[in-house]
Structure formats: C-alpha cells, structure tokens
Amino acid sequence: MSSSKGKVVIVKKVINGGGGGHGGSWKVAMADLALAMMALFMVLWLLSVTDEEQLESITAYFKDPGAFLHSGSPHPIKLTGSPSMVKEISSKGPSLQGRAGPDVIGDSQPSPKGEKLSFDDLMGDLRMLLGSEKTQYQQDDPVYMEVLPEGLRLVILDFEDKHMFRRGSSRLTPYYEDLLLMMAQVLGKTENKILVSGHTDAASFSENHYHSNWKLSGARAQAAQRTLAYGGIPDERFMMVTAMSDHRPIHPGNPESGANRRIELLLLNPETEKNLGRLFSPIDKDGKEKESPISEETMEDIKEEIDANSLPEELRPLPVTEETTEE
C-alpha cells in the first residue's frame, strides 16, 4: 500500500550571493532625500511670503556678474547694512588679513602725519582703487567725482540693476556696503570734514514706517555715515549728515527717475568748513553770538580803512529824502 504511493522527492535550491545583510547605507540615501525635500519646501515657502519688490531685488543681485568674485564680504557687517556685533580687531576699522579670496583694498597706506593730500590726489587714489581688476566696480563706475570751489564732491550713483537700497528701505545692499568701506580706506588719509547727504526720487511714497522722503533720505544718509565710520573714518570727521528728500534731483526734467536716488559726500575745504561753522556758531541765552567770527581788532581796522577812503564831508552826496505830493 505504501509502495504504491511512490517516493517523495525533496529538491533544495541554493541561491549564491546577495543574501547577506545590507547594512545602513540606505539610511544615507534616505537622509539626502529628506534634506533635499526640506530645502525644496523651504524655498517654496520663502517664495510664497516674499513680495514682488523683494523678488526684484534678489533677481538684480544674482544678475550681478561680480557678485561671486569673492568668497565672502571682507568686512564683518551684516547684509542688512547695520554693523555686526562681532568684536572689532582694530579700533580704526576692520582688518583685511586672514580672509580668503583676492584682496580688494590693495596696498594703500595712510599718508604720513602732517602730509596733506590734495583733492586731485584723492580722486586719483579712488579711481585707481575702484578701477582695479580685483574689484567688481571696474566696469560699473559707480562714483562720480568733481572738484568744486567748496571741496571734493563724490556722488554714489544708483543703477537699475544694482540698487543701493531696497525701495522704501534704508538698508544698504552688499554691493554698496563694500563700496563705502573701500572708499573709507582712501578718505581716511585726509583730515577734511565730510558732509553726507541722502537723496530720493519723487515717486509716490509707499506706506512704511518712514512716512516721508525726508525721513527716508535722512535714514539712508545715516546708514552711509555709519558704514564709513565702521570703515575707519573717525566720528569727528563728519560735520553734517543731512536729508535732501527729492529737492535736488540729478535729472530735474524727470524727478521720478531712479537715478535721483543717491548718496553724496562732500569733503570740505578749510574755507567752506569755516563758513559752514559760522552758520551754527554758539549763542547765549539772549540770542547773541558768544564769539563773533570777526574779532574786535579786525573790525576796528576795517572801520579805519573805511574812514580813510571816505570822501570829505563837503563832497559827500546829500541824503535822499522822499517828498510826498498830493494829487
């Protein structure tokens, strides 16, 4: 009975290789995927909360061909335009040693004590510095320079593809922040007083905490002054930081042009500094000047010269009297 059922054949299949444990390598791939997805959703979230003006600023920044010439900003200042809380290495300004990337400032050194540089020398140093192949300002030419009877005028220009400030904001962009810090290295060679003025265009003002172009231009001038001071210019060198609103446009025929948005620096010559100081000379509580700009001895000499050059009394013209007639 049992023999009729036949024999039971058991077949064993042996599969060689690939049967061992796989370890934890799959966890690395999973972590990379999770990190990539997190970065993707972070970018999507930022795009959803960013307004159109901010997107335009970001686009303009990445269109700048010189934006990535350096490994990072050589100055420990936040990109928002305000000084960082990082401890300063030198009290005269940020040190450029020990950072990666090409040197921006070059080998400019302060002039020896007692040596005064002319305005033409300063213009030459600025052009040499900004025109260097090591900088991102070689082709842009962002600073207009001219020598006036009152001093050296430096106009920091705003471009359509490189804005100095975000619209309605007083935060310097990294491009102009580094520009001012570079200029401070040259302007620190002289002792001339500096006047800083902020200018805006006449475009309709957007609603923000500044409320007017007067406040906005003043805040921008202060941002420029703070950056120059951080670059090494002593605070006593700044004689005035003023707001000009939209009252002095570069293009009077087009007051709403973005080119009217700018920062101007005026290095005063000694005579202009003296005359400007007279406008704000000290006064006492009675409203009289404590110190006259002309001494009493000088005034007496002037009176003597006037008396010596005056005509004799018999040759002096008679005083003019008004006669009234009745019609």
C-alpha atoms as a PDB file:
ATOM      1  CA  MET A   1       0.000   0.000   0.000  1.00  0.00           C
ATOM      2  CA  SER A   2       2.783   2.351   0.927  1.00  0.00           C
ATOM      3  CA  SER A   3       4.922   1.353  -2.013  1.00  0.00           C
ATOM      4  CA  SER A   4       2.197   2.345  -4.478  1.00  0.00           C
ATOM      5  CA  LYS A   5       2.328   5.955  -3.424  1.00  0.00           C
ATOM      6  CA  GLY A   6       5.883   6.392  -4.663  1.00  0.00           C
ATOM      7  CA  LYS A   7       8.768   8.227  -3.169  1.00  0.00           C
ATOM      8  CA  VAL A   8       8.657  11.871  -2.052  1.00  0.00           C
ATOM      9  CA  VAL A   9      11.403  13.862  -3.772  1.00  0.00           C
ATOM     10  CA  ILE A  10      12.682  16.925  -1.916  1.00  0.00           C
ATOM     11  CA  VAL A  11      14.527  19.494  -4.087  1.00  0.00           C
ATOM     12  CA  LYS A  12      16.787  22.056  -2.445  1.00  0.00           C
ATOM     13  CA  LYS A  13      17.635  25.219  -4.451  1.00  0.00           C
ATOM     14  CA  VAL A  14      20.789  27.020  -3.432  1.00  0.00           C
ATOM     15  CA  ILE A  15      20.999  30.724  -4.426  1.00  0.00           C
ATOM     16  CA  ASN A  16      24.519  32.049  -4.189  1.00  0.00           C
ATOM     17  CA  GLY A  17      25.357  35.693  -3.225  1.00  0.00           C
ATOM     18  CA  GLY A  18      23.247  38.694  -2.231  1.00  0.00           C
ATOM     19  CA  GLY A  19      21.737  37.014   0.731  1.00  0.00           C
ATOM     20  CA  GLY A  20      23.741  38.836   3.397  1.00  0.00           C
ATOM     21  CA  GLY A  21      22.799  41.901   5.396  1.00  0.00           C
ATOM     22  CA  HIS A  22      22.721  45.251   3.541  1.00  0.00           C
ATOM     23  CA  GLY A  23      23.998  47.388   6.418  1.00  0.00           C
ATOM     24  CA  GLY A  24      22.888  51.042   6.880  1.00  0.00           C
ATOM     25  CA  SER A  25      23.864  52.553   3.520  1.00  0.00           C
ATOM     26  CA  TRP A  26      20.211  53.073   2.626  1.00  0.00           C
ATOM     27  CA  LYS A  27      19.894  55.446   5.559  1.00  0.00           C
ATOM     28  CA  VAL A  28      22.398  57.852   3.958  1.00  0.00           C
ATOM     29  CA  ALA A  29      20.382  57.990   0.750  1.00  0.00           C
ATOM     30  CA  MET A  30      17.195  58.472   2.734  1.00  0.00           C
ATOM     31  CA  ALA A  31      18.765  61.337   4.691  1.00  0.00           C
ATOM     32  CA  ASP A  32      19.905  63.020   1.461  1.00  0.00           C
ATOM     33  CA  LEU A  33      16.406  62.745   0.040  1.00  0.00           C
ATOM     34  CA  ALA A  34      14.844  64.165   3.209  1.00  0.00           C
ATOM     35  CA  LEU A  35      17.328  67.069   3.233  1.00  0.00           C
ATOM     36  CA  ALA A  36      16.647  67.859  -0.420  1.00  0.00           C
ATOM     37  CA  MET A  37      12.888  67.813   0.158  1.00  0.00           C
ATOM     38  CA  MET A  38      13.242  70.061   3.192  1.00  0.00           C
ATOM     39  CA  ALA A  39      15.318  72.553   1.187  1.00  0.00           C
ATOM     40  CA  LEU A  40      12.762  72.467  -1.626  1.00  0.00           C
ATOM     41  CA  PHE A  41       9.830  73.204   0.667  1.00  0.00           C
ATOM     42  CA  MET A  42      11.854  75.936   2.408  1.00  0.00           C
ATOM     43  CA  VAL A  43      12.464  77.671  -0.935  1.00  0.00           C
ATOM     44  CA  LEU A  44       8.790  77.321  -1.886  1.00  0.00           C
ATOM     45  CA  TRP A  45       7.755  78.822   1.453  1.00  0.00           C
ATOM     46  CA  LEU A  46      10.146  81.758   1.058  1.00  0.00           C
ATOM     47  CA  LEU A  47       8.802  82.444  -2.425  1.00  0.00           C
ATOM     48  CA  SER A  48       5.254  82.469  -1.086  1.00  0.00           C
ATOM     49  CA  VAL A  49       5.999  85.070   1.620  1.00  0.00           C
ATOM     50  CA  THR A  50       8.283  87.313  -0.499  1.00  0.00           C
ATOM     51  CA  ASP A  51       6.696  90.332  -2.170  1.00  0.00           C
ATOM     52  CA  GLU A  52       7.381  91.480  -5.725  1.00  0.00           C
ATOM     53  CA  GLU A  53       9.878  94.189  -4.767  1.00  0.00           C
ATOM     54  CA  GLN A  54      11.970  91.746  -2.759  1.00  0.00           C
ATOM     55  CA  LEU A  55      11.962  89.281  -5.655  1.00  0.00           C
ATOM     56  CA  GLU A  56      13.176  92.022  -7.996  1.00  0.00           C
ATOM     57  CA  SER A  57      15.993  92.874  -5.593  1.00  0.00           C
ATOM     58  CA  ILE A  58      17.041  89.226  -5.350  1.00  0.00           C
ATOM     59  CA  THR A  59      16.953  88.878  -9.133  1.00  0.00           C
ATOM     60  CA  ALA A  60      19.050  92.015  -9.598  1.00  0.00           C
ATOM     61  CA  TYR A  61      21.570  90.768  -7.053  1.00  0.00           C
ATOM     62  CA  PHE A  62      22.105  87.438  -8.810  1.00  0.00           C
ATOM     63  CA  LYS A  63      22.320  89.140 -12.201  1.00  0.00           C
ATOM     64  CA  ASP A  64      25.426  90.950 -10.951  1.00  0.00           C
ATOM     65  CA  PRO A  65      28.378  89.208 -12.657  1.00  0.00           C
ATOM     66  CA  GLY A  66      30.740  90.266  -9.892  1.00  0.00           C
ATOM     67  CA  ALA A  67      28.587  89.102  -7.026  1.00  0.00           C
ATOM     68  CA  PHE A  68      30.565  85.878  -6.589  1.00  0.00           C
ATOM     69  CA  LEU A  69      34.073  87.155  -7.268  1.00  0.00           C
ATOM     70  CA  HIS A  70      34.884  86.910  -3.577  1.00  0.00           C
ATOM     71  CA  SER A  71      34.369  84.104  -1.138  1.00  0.00           C
ATOM     72  CA  GLY A  72      32.538  86.450   1.174  1.00  0.00           C
ATOM     73  CA  SER A  73      32.379  90.012   2.357  1.00  0.00           C
ATOM     74  CA  PRO A  74      35.749  91.048   3.831  1.00  0.00           C
ATOM     75  CA  HIS A  75      34.017  93.104   6.475  1.00  0.00           C
ATOM     76  CA  PRO A  76      32.122  91.746   9.495  1.00  0.00           C
ATOM     77  CA  ILE A  77      28.937  93.688   8.720  1.00  0.00           C
ATOM     78  CA  LYS A  78      25.511  92.177   8.250  1.00  0.00           C
ATOM     79  CA  LEU A  79      23.977  92.356   4.814  1.00  0.00           C
ATOM     80  CA  THR A  80      21.205  94.489   6.285  1.00  0.00           C
ATOM     81  CA  GLY A  81      23.589  97.441   6.408  1.00  0.00           C
ATOM     82  CA  SER A  82      23.952  97.695  10.178  1.00  0.00           C
ATOM     83  CA  PRO A  83      27.265  96.915  11.897  1.00  0.00           C
ATOM     84  CA  SER A  84      27.685  93.427  13.262  1.00  0.00           C
ATOM     85  CA  MET A  85      28.173  92.688  16.927  1.00  0.00           C
ATOM     86  CA  VAL A  86      31.396  90.858  16.082  1.00  0.00           C
ATOM     87  CA  LYS A  87      34.259  92.168  18.171  1.00  0.00           C
ATOM     88  CA  GLU A  88      36.430  94.564  16.181  1.00  0.00           C
ATOM     89  CA  ILE A  89      40.029  93.540  15.740  1.00  0.00           C
ATOM     90  CA  SER A  90      41.214  97.103  15.281  1.00  0.00           C
ATOM     91  CA  SER A  91      39.658 100.308  16.569  1.00  0.00           C
ATOM     92  CA  LYS A  92      40.471 102.028  13.286  1.00  0.00           C
ATOM     93  CA  GLY A  93      38.376  99.701  11.171  1.00  0.00           C
ATOM     94  CA  PRO A  94      38.028  96.089  10.098  1.00  0.00           C
ATOM     95  CA  SER A  95      41.156  94.102   9.359  1.00  0.00           C
ATOM     96  CA  LEU A  96      41.586  92.593   5.925  1.00  0.00           C
ATOM     97  CA  GLN A  97      44.136  89.978   6.967  1.00  0.00           C
ATOM     98  CA  GLY A  98      43.365  86.307   7.259  1.00  0.00           C
ATOM     99  CA  ARG A  99      40.378  86.199   4.914  1.00  0.00           C
ATOM    100  CA  ALA A 100      40.010  84.045   1.818  1.00  0.00           C
ATOM    101  CA  GLY A 101      39.716  85.407  -1.688  1.00  0.00           C
ATOM    102  CA  PRO A 102      41.579  88.172  -3.524  1.00  0.00           C
ATOM    103  CA  ASP A 103      42.451  91.380  -1.745  1.00  0.00           C
ATOM    104  CA  VAL A 104      40.103  94.242  -2.522  1.00  0.00           C
ATOM    105  CA  ILE A 105      41.760  97.182  -0.848  1.00  0.00           C
ATOM    106  CA  GLY A 106      45.264  96.657  -2.138  1.00  0.00           C
ATOM    107  CA  ASP A 107      48.327  98.165  -0.510  1.00  0.00           C
ATOM    108  CA  SER A 108      47.019 101.659   0.218  1.00  0.00           C
ATOM    109  CA  GLN A 109      48.525 103.090   3.377  1.00  0.00           C
ATOM    110  CA  PRO A 110      47.592 106.222   5.345  1.00  0.00           C
ATOM    111  CA  SER A 111      49.642 109.273   4.485  1.00  0.00           C
ATOM    112  CA  PRO A 112      52.419 110.228   6.903  1.00  0.00           C
ATOM    113  CA  LYS A 113      51.397 112.517   9.720  1.00  0.00           C
ATOM    114  CA  GLY A 114      51.443 116.142   8.688  1.00  0.00           C
ATOM    115  CA  GLU A 115      51.252 115.379   4.959  1.00  0.00           C
ATOM    116  CA  LYS A 116      48.078 116.673   3.321  1.00  0.00           C
ATOM    117  CA  LEU A 117      46.717 115.137   0.145  1.00  0.00           C
ATOM    118  CA  SER A 118      45.112 117.365  -2.448  1.00  0.00           C
ATOM    119  CA  PHE A 119      41.662 116.627  -3.795  1.00  0.00           C
ATOM    120  CA  ASP A 120      43.233 115.614  -7.108  1.00  0.00           C
ATOM    121  CA  ASP A 121      45.372 113.053  -5.271  1.00  0.00           C
ATOM    122  CA  LEU A 122      42.303 111.645  -3.528  1.00  0.00           C
ATOM    123  CA  MET A 123      40.444 111.388  -6.825  1.00  0.00           C
ATOM    124  CA  GLY A 124      43.399 109.565  -8.348  1.00  0.00           C
ATOM    125  CA  ASP A 125      43.577 107.122  -5.441  1.00  0.00           C
ATOM    126  CA  LEU A 126      39.839 106.434  -5.625  1.00  0.00           C
ATOM    127  CA  ARG A 127      39.933 105.853  -9.380  1.00  0.00           C
ATOM    128  CA  MET A 128      42.906 103.530  -9.010  1.00  0.00           C
ATOM    129  CA  LEU A 129      41.200 101.580  -6.232  1.00  0.00           C
ATOM    130  CA  LEU A 130      37.806 101.240  -7.908  1.00  0.00           C
ATOM    131  CA  GLY A 131      39.329 100.589 -11.322  1.00  0.00           C
ATOM    132  CA  SER A 132      41.444  97.693 -10.116  1.00  0.00           C
ATOM    133  CA  GLU A 133      40.853  94.333 -11.773  1.00  0.00           C
ATOM    134  CA  LYS A 134      40.480  92.820  -8.306  1.00  0.00           C
ATOM    135  CA  THR A 135      37.244  94.706  -7.643  1.00  0.00           C
ATOM    136  CA  GLN A 136      33.723  94.359  -9.008  1.00  0.00           C
ATOM    137  CA  TYR A 137      33.463  98.106  -9.693  1.00  0.00           C
ATOM    138  CA  GLN A 138      35.817  98.287 -12.674  1.00  0.00           C
ATOM    139  CA  GLN A 139      33.127  98.430 -15.366  1.00  0.00           C
ATOM    140  CA  ASP A 140      30.288  99.976 -13.365  1.00  0.00           C
ATOM    141  CA  ASP A 141      31.936 103.304 -12.434  1.00  0.00           C
ATOM    142  CA  PRO A 142      29.515 103.864  -9.515  1.00  0.00           C
ATOM    143  CA  VAL A 143      31.148 107.059  -8.166  1.00  0.00           C
ATOM    144  CA  TYR A 144      31.035 110.441  -9.901  1.00  0.00           C
ATOM    145  CA  MET A 145      33.801 112.807  -8.770  1.00  0.00           C
ATOM    146  CA  GLU A 146      34.370 116.519  -9.279  1.00  0.00           C
ATOM    147  CA  VAL A 147      36.304 119.290  -7.553  1.00  0.00           C
ATOM    148  CA  LEU A 148      34.135 122.268  -6.584  1.00  0.00           C
ATOM    149  CA  PRO A 149      35.143 125.604  -5.051  1.00  0.00           C
ATOM    150  CA  GLU A 150      33.726 124.248  -1.784  1.00  0.00           C
ATOM    151  CA  GLY A 151      35.593 120.921  -1.859  1.00  0.00           C
ATOM    152  CA  LEU A 152      35.580 117.439  -3.405  1.00  0.00           C
ATOM    153  CA  ARG A 153      32.148 116.117  -4.409  1.00  0.00           C
ATOM    154  CA  LEU A 154      31.610 112.349  -4.538  1.00  0.00           C
ATOM    155  CA  VAL A 155      28.248 111.151  -5.873  1.00  0.00           C
ATOM    156  CA  ILE A 156      27.476 107.459  -5.294  1.00  0.00           C
ATOM    157  CA  LEU A 157      25.125 106.533  -8.113  1.00  0.00           C
ATOM    158  CA  ASP A 158      22.238 104.077  -8.097  1.00  0.00           C
ATOM    159  CA  PHE A 159      21.760 101.699 -11.050  1.00  0.00           C
ATOM    160  CA  GLU A 160      18.621  99.961 -12.278  1.00  0.00           C
ATOM    161  CA  ASP A 161      20.214  96.527 -11.959  1.00  0.00           C
ATOM    162  CA  LYS A 162      22.153  97.351  -8.780  1.00  0.00           C
ATOM    163  CA  HIS A 163      20.078  99.250  -6.256  1.00  0.00           C
ATOM    164  CA  MET A 164      21.796 100.975  -3.369  1.00  0.00           C
ATOM    165  CA  PHE A 165      18.780 100.482  -1.123  1.00  0.00           C
ATOM    166  CA  ARG A 166      15.657  98.391  -1.350  1.00  0.00           C
ATOM    167  CA  ARG A 167      12.669 100.531  -2.272  1.00  0.00           C
ATOM    168  CA  GLY A 168      11.378 102.352   0.787  1.00  0.00           C
ATOM    169  CA  SER A 169      14.233 100.991   2.928  1.00  0.00           C
ATOM    170  CA  SER A 170      17.456 102.362   4.431  1.00  0.00           C
ATOM    171  CA  ARG A 171      19.315  99.028   4.284  1.00  0.00           C
ATOM    172  CA  LEU A 172      22.417  99.154   2.126  1.00  0.00           C
ATOM    173  CA  THR A 173      22.855  96.308  -0.334  1.00  0.00           C
ATOM    174  CA  PRO A 174      26.131  94.321  -0.091  1.00  0.00           C
ATOM    175  CA  TYR A 175      27.428  95.846  -3.349  1.00  0.00           C
ATOM    176  CA  TYR A 176      27.295  99.412  -2.000  1.00  0.00           C
ATOM    177  CA  GLU A 177      28.178  98.430   1.544  1.00  0.00           C
ATOM    178  CA  ASP A 178      31.529  97.103   0.368  1.00  0.00           C
ATOM    179  CA  LEU A 179      31.940 100.151  -1.890  1.00  0.00           C
ATOM    180  CA  LEU A 180      31.643 102.582   1.034  1.00  0.00           C
ATOM    181  CA  LEU A 181      34.014 100.510   3.142  1.00  0.00           C
ATOM    182  CA  MET A 182      36.572 100.595   0.341  1.00  0.00           C
ATOM    183  CA  MET A 183      36.176 104.357  -0.073  1.00  0.00           C
ATOM    184  CA  ALA A 184      36.713 104.820   3.664  1.00  0.00           C
ATOM    185  CA  GLN A 185      40.244 103.458   3.285  1.00  0.00           C
ATOM    186  CA  VAL A 186      41.091 106.339   0.917  1.00  0.00           C
ATOM    187  CA  LEU A 187      39.049 109.098   2.571  1.00  0.00           C
ATOM    188  CA  GLY A 188      40.726 108.258   5.867  1.00  0.00           C
ATOM    189  CA  LYS A 189      44.023 109.581   4.505  1.00  0.00           C
ATOM    190  CA  THR A 190      42.909 113.195   4.830  1.00  0.00           C
ATOM    191  CA  GLU A 191      41.578 115.319   7.679  1.00  0.00           C
ATOM    192  CA  ASN A 192      38.943 117.276   5.745  1.00  0.00           C
ATOM    193  CA  LYS A 193      35.487 117.406   7.273  1.00  0.00           C
ATOM    194  CA  ILE A 194      32.803 115.408   5.470  1.00  0.00           C
ATOM    195  CA  LEU A 195      29.203 116.312   4.675  1.00  0.00           C
ATOM    196  CA  VAL A 196      26.914 113.337   3.927  1.00  0.00           C
ATOM    197  CA  SER A 197      23.561 113.896   2.202  1.00  0.00           C
ATOM    198  CA  GLY A 198      20.813 111.449   1.235  1.00  0.00           C
ATOM    199  CA  HIS A 199      18.593 111.940  -1.824  1.00  0.00           C
ATOM    200  CA  THR A 200      15.426 110.203  -3.056  1.00  0.00           C
ATOM    201  CA  ASP A 201      13.276 110.390  -6.162  1.00  0.00           C
ATOM    202  CA  ALA A 202       9.834 111.992  -6.345  1.00  0.00           C
ATOM    203  CA  ALA A 203       7.926 108.761  -6.952  1.00  0.00           C
ATOM    204  CA  SER A 204       4.789 108.163  -4.912  1.00  0.00           C
ATOM    205  CA  PHE A 205       5.780 107.074  -1.437  1.00  0.00           C
ATOM    206  CA  SER A 206       4.797 103.586  -0.333  1.00  0.00           C
ATOM    207  CA  GLU A 207       3.347 103.031   3.101  1.00  0.00           C
ATOM    208  CA  ASN A 208       6.028 102.128   5.644  1.00  0.00           C
ATOM    209  CA  HIS A 209       7.429 103.391   8.918  1.00  0.00           C
ATOM    210  CA  TYR A 210       9.327 106.310   7.301  1.00  0.00           C
ATOM    211  CA  HIS A 211       6.135 108.074   6.114  1.00  0.00           C
ATOM    212  CA  SER A 212       8.027 110.666   4.020  1.00  0.00           C
ATOM    213  CA  ASN A 213      11.027 111.079   1.753  1.00  0.00           C
ATOM    214  CA  TRP A 214      12.564 113.411   4.329  1.00  0.00           C
ATOM    215  CA  LYS A 215      12.798 110.635   6.889  1.00  0.00           C
ATOM    216  CA  LEU A 216      13.843 108.085   4.284  1.00  0.00           C
ATOM    217  CA  SER A 217      16.651 110.206   2.826  1.00  0.00           C
ATOM    218  CA  GLY A 218      17.860 111.048   6.328  1.00  0.00           C
ATOM    219  CA  ALA A 219      17.912 107.387   7.350  1.00  0.00           C
ATOM    220  CA  ARG A 220      19.852 106.495   4.210  1.00  0.00           C
ATOM    221  CA  ALA A 221      22.405 109.235   4.856  1.00  0.00           C
ATOM    222  CA  GLN A 222      22.867 107.921   8.394  1.00  0.00           C
ATOM    223  CA  ALA A 223      23.335 104.373   7.076  1.00  0.00           C
ATOM    224  CA  ALA A 224      26.093 105.614   4.765  1.00  0.00           C
ATOM    225  CA  GLN A 225      27.735 107.552   7.604  1.00  0.00           C
ATOM    226  CA  ARG A 226      27.698 104.510   9.896  1.00  0.00           C
ATOM    227  CA  THR A 227      29.315 102.370   7.219  1.00  0.00           C
ATOM    228  CA  LEU A 228      32.047 104.946   6.551  1.00  0.00           C
ATOM    229  CA  ALA A 229      32.674 105.265  10.281  1.00  0.00           C
ATOM    230  CA  TYR A 230      32.974 101.497  10.591  1.00  0.00           C
ATOM    231  CA  GLY A 231      35.439 101.599   7.710  1.00  0.00           C
ATOM    232  CA  GLY A 232      37.818 103.678   9.803  1.00  0.00           C
ATOM    233  CA  ILE A 233      36.779 107.343   9.457  1.00  0.00           C
ATOM    234  CA  PRO A 234      36.652 108.990  12.921  1.00  0.00           C
ATOM    235  CA  ASP A 235      33.294 110.321  14.039  1.00  0.00           C
ATOM    236  CA  GLU A 236      34.647 113.863  14.440  1.00  0.00           C
ATOM    237  CA  ARG A 237      35.383 113.985  10.709  1.00  0.00           C
ATOM    238  CA  PHE A 238      31.660 114.108   9.917  1.00  0.00           C
ATOM    239  CA  MET A 239      30.489 117.715  10.090  1.00  0.00           C
ATOM    240  CA  MET A 240      26.930 117.159   8.891  1.00  0.00           C
ATOM    241  CA  VAL A 241      24.614 114.295   7.933  1.00  0.00           C
ATOM    242  CA  THR A 242      21.591 115.747   6.199  1.00  0.00           C
ATOM    243  CA  ALA A 243      18.397 114.762   4.372  1.00  0.00           C
ATOM    244  CA  MET A 244      17.626 116.345   0.994  1.00  0.00           C
ATOM    245  CA  SER A 245      14.459 114.373   0.148  1.00  0.00           C
ATOM    246  CA  ASP A 246      13.686 114.810  -3.581  1.00  0.00           C
ATOM    247  CA  HIS A 247      14.550 118.538  -3.680  1.00  0.00           C
ATOM    248  CA  ARG A 248      17.882 118.191  -5.547  1.00  0.00           C
ATOM    249  CA  PRO A 249      17.320 115.684  -8.384  1.00  0.00           C
ATOM    250  CA  ILE A 250      20.110 114.822 -10.803  1.00  0.00           C
ATOM    251  CA  HIS A 251      17.551 114.894 -13.621  1.00  0.00           C
ATOM    252  CA  PRO A 252      15.217 117.852 -12.924  1.00  0.00           C
ATOM    253  CA  GLY A 253      13.181 117.003 -16.018  1.00  0.00           C
ATOM    254  CA  ASN A 254      12.413 113.530 -14.662  1.00  0.00           C
ATOM    255  CA  PRO A 255      12.115 113.809 -10.869  1.00  0.00           C
ATOM    256  CA  GLU A 256      10.711 110.267 -10.565  1.00  0.00           C
ATOM    257  CA  SER A 257      13.762 108.707 -12.196  1.00  0.00           C
ATOM    258  CA  GLY A 258      15.574 106.139 -10.072  1.00  0.00           C
ATOM    259  CA  ALA A 259      18.864 107.878 -10.900  1.00  0.00           C
ATOM    260  CA  ASN A 260      17.880 110.628  -8.460  1.00  0.00           C
ATOM    261  CA  ARG A 261      18.280 108.149  -5.590  1.00  0.00           C
ATOM    262  CA  ARG A 262      21.831 108.589  -4.389  1.00  0.00           C
ATOM    263  CA  ILE A 263      24.237 109.361  -1.560  1.00  0.00           C
ATOM    264  CA  GLU A 264      26.562 112.345  -1.850  1.00  0.00           C
ATOM    265  CA  LEU A 265      29.767 113.028   0.069  1.00  0.00           C
ATOM    266  CA  LEU A 266      31.377 116.463   0.132  1.00  0.00           C
ATOM    267  CA  LEU A 267      34.893 116.800   1.507  1.00  0.00           C
ATOM    268  CA  LEU A 268      35.003 120.413   2.652  1.00  0.00           C
ATOM    269  CA  ASN A 269      37.994 122.655   2.148  1.00  0.00           C
ATOM    270  CA  PRO A 270      39.075 124.734   5.181  1.00  0.00           C
ATOM    271  CA  GLU A 271      37.313 127.900   3.985  1.00  0.00           C
ATOM    272  CA  THR A 272      33.991 126.129   3.416  1.00  0.00           C
ATOM    273  CA  GLU A 273      34.311 124.384   6.764  1.00  0.00           C
ATOM    274  CA  LYS A 274      34.867 127.749   8.449  1.00  0.00           C
ATOM    275  CA  ASN A 275      31.911 129.398   6.703  1.00  0.00           C
ATOM    276  CA  LEU A 276      29.628 126.476   7.485  1.00  0.00           C
ATOM    277  CA  GLY A 277      30.690 126.579  11.114  1.00  0.00           C
ATOM    278  CA  ARG A 278      29.666 130.232  11.327  1.00  0.00           C
ATOM    279  CA  LEU A 279      26.093 129.291  10.480  1.00  0.00           C
ATOM    280  CA  PHE A 280      25.920 127.277  13.701  1.00  0.00           C
ATOM    281  CA  SER A 281      28.139 129.374  15.964  1.00  0.00           C
ATOM    282  CA  PRO A 282      27.329 129.271  19.703  1.00  0.00           C
ATOM    283  CA  ILE A 283      24.809 131.769  21.099  1.00  0.00           C
ATOM    284  CA  ASP A 284      23.966 132.833  24.623  1.00  0.00           C
ATOM    285  CA  LYS A 285      20.518 132.784  26.191  1.00  0.00           C
ATOM    286  CA  ASP A 286      19.867 136.338  24.961  1.00  0.00           C
ATOM    287  CA  GLY A 287      20.274 135.235  21.367  1.00  0.00           C
ATOM    288  CA  LYS A 288      23.623 136.933  20.808  1.00  0.00           C
ATOM    289  CA  GLU A 289      26.734 135.278  19.496  1.00  0.00           C
ATOM    290  CA  LYS A 290      29.250 134.367  22.167  1.00  0.00           C
ATOM    291  CA  GLU A 291      32.148 134.690  19.771  1.00  0.00           C
ATOM    292  CA  SER A 292      31.972 136.940  16.744  1.00  0.00           C
ATOM    293  CA  PRO A 293      33.533 135.452  13.607  1.00  0.00           C
ATOM    294  CA  ILE A 294      35.397 138.792  13.219  1.00  0.00           C
ATOM    295  CA  SER A 295      37.470 139.981  16.162  1.00  0.00           C
ATOM    296  CA  GLU A 296      37.082 143.481  17.584  1.00  0.00           C
ATOM    297  CA  GLU A 297      40.605 144.439  16.492  1.00  0.00           C
ATOM    298  CA  THR A 298      39.873 143.396  12.927  1.00  0.00           C
ATOM    299  CA  MET A 299      36.614 145.350  12.997  1.00  0.00           C
ATOM    300  CA  GLU A 300      38.432 148.487  14.196  1.00  0.00           C
ATOM    301  CA  ASP A 301      40.967 148.149  11.382  1.00  0.00           C
ATOM    302  CA  ILE A 302      38.141 147.830   8.872  1.00  0.00           C
ATOM    303  CA  LYS A 303      36.465 150.971  10.219  1.00  0.00           C
ATOM    304  CA  GLU A 304      39.740 152.911   9.979  1.00  0.00           C
ATOM    305  CA  GLU A 305      40.204 151.856   6.358  1.00  0.00           C
ATOM    306  CA  ILE A 306      36.633 152.896   5.572  1.00  0.00           C
ATOM    307  CA  ASP A 307      37.125 156.303   7.185  1.00  0.00           C
ATOM    308  CA  ALA A 308      40.441 156.830   5.372  1.00  0.00           C
ATOM    309  CA  ASN A 309      38.889 156.061   1.994  1.00  0.00           C
ATOM    310  CA  SER A 310      35.700 158.085   2.531  1.00  0.00           C
ATOM    311  CA  LEU A 311      35.049 161.357   0.714  1.00  0.00           C
ATOM    312  CA  PRO A 312      35.397 164.677   2.513  1.00  0.00           C
ATOM    313  CA  GLU A 313      32.195 165.865   4.073  1.00  0.00           C
ATOM    314  CA  GLU A 314      31.722 168.723   1.591  1.00  0.00           C
ATOM    315  CA  LEU A 315      31.911 166.292  -1.361  1.00  0.00           C
ATOM    316  CA  ARG A 316      29.558 163.701   0.029  1.00  0.00           C
ATOM    317  CA  PRO A 317      26.181 163.455  -1.746  1.00  0.00           C
ATOM    318  CA  LEU A 318      23.182 164.810   0.049  1.00  0.00           C
ATOM    319  CA  PRO A 319      20.900 162.199   1.610  1.00  0.00           C
ATOM    320  CA  VAL A 320      17.896 161.309  -0.487  1.00  0.00           C
ATOM    321  CA  THR A 321      14.615 162.432   1.048  1.00  0.00           C
ATOM    322  CA  GLU A 322      11.214 161.286  -0.047  1.00  0.00           C
ATOM    323  CA  GLU A 323       8.744 164.028  -0.938  1.00  0.00           C
ATOM    324  CA  THR A 324       5.069 163.373  -0.944  1.00  0.00           C
ATOM    325  CA  THR A 325       2.803 165.238  -3.296  1.00  0.00           C
ATOM    326  CA  GLU A 326      -0.914 165.428  -3.145  1.00  0.00           C
ATOM    327  CA  GLU A 327      -2.727 164.931  -6.389  1.00  0.00           C
END
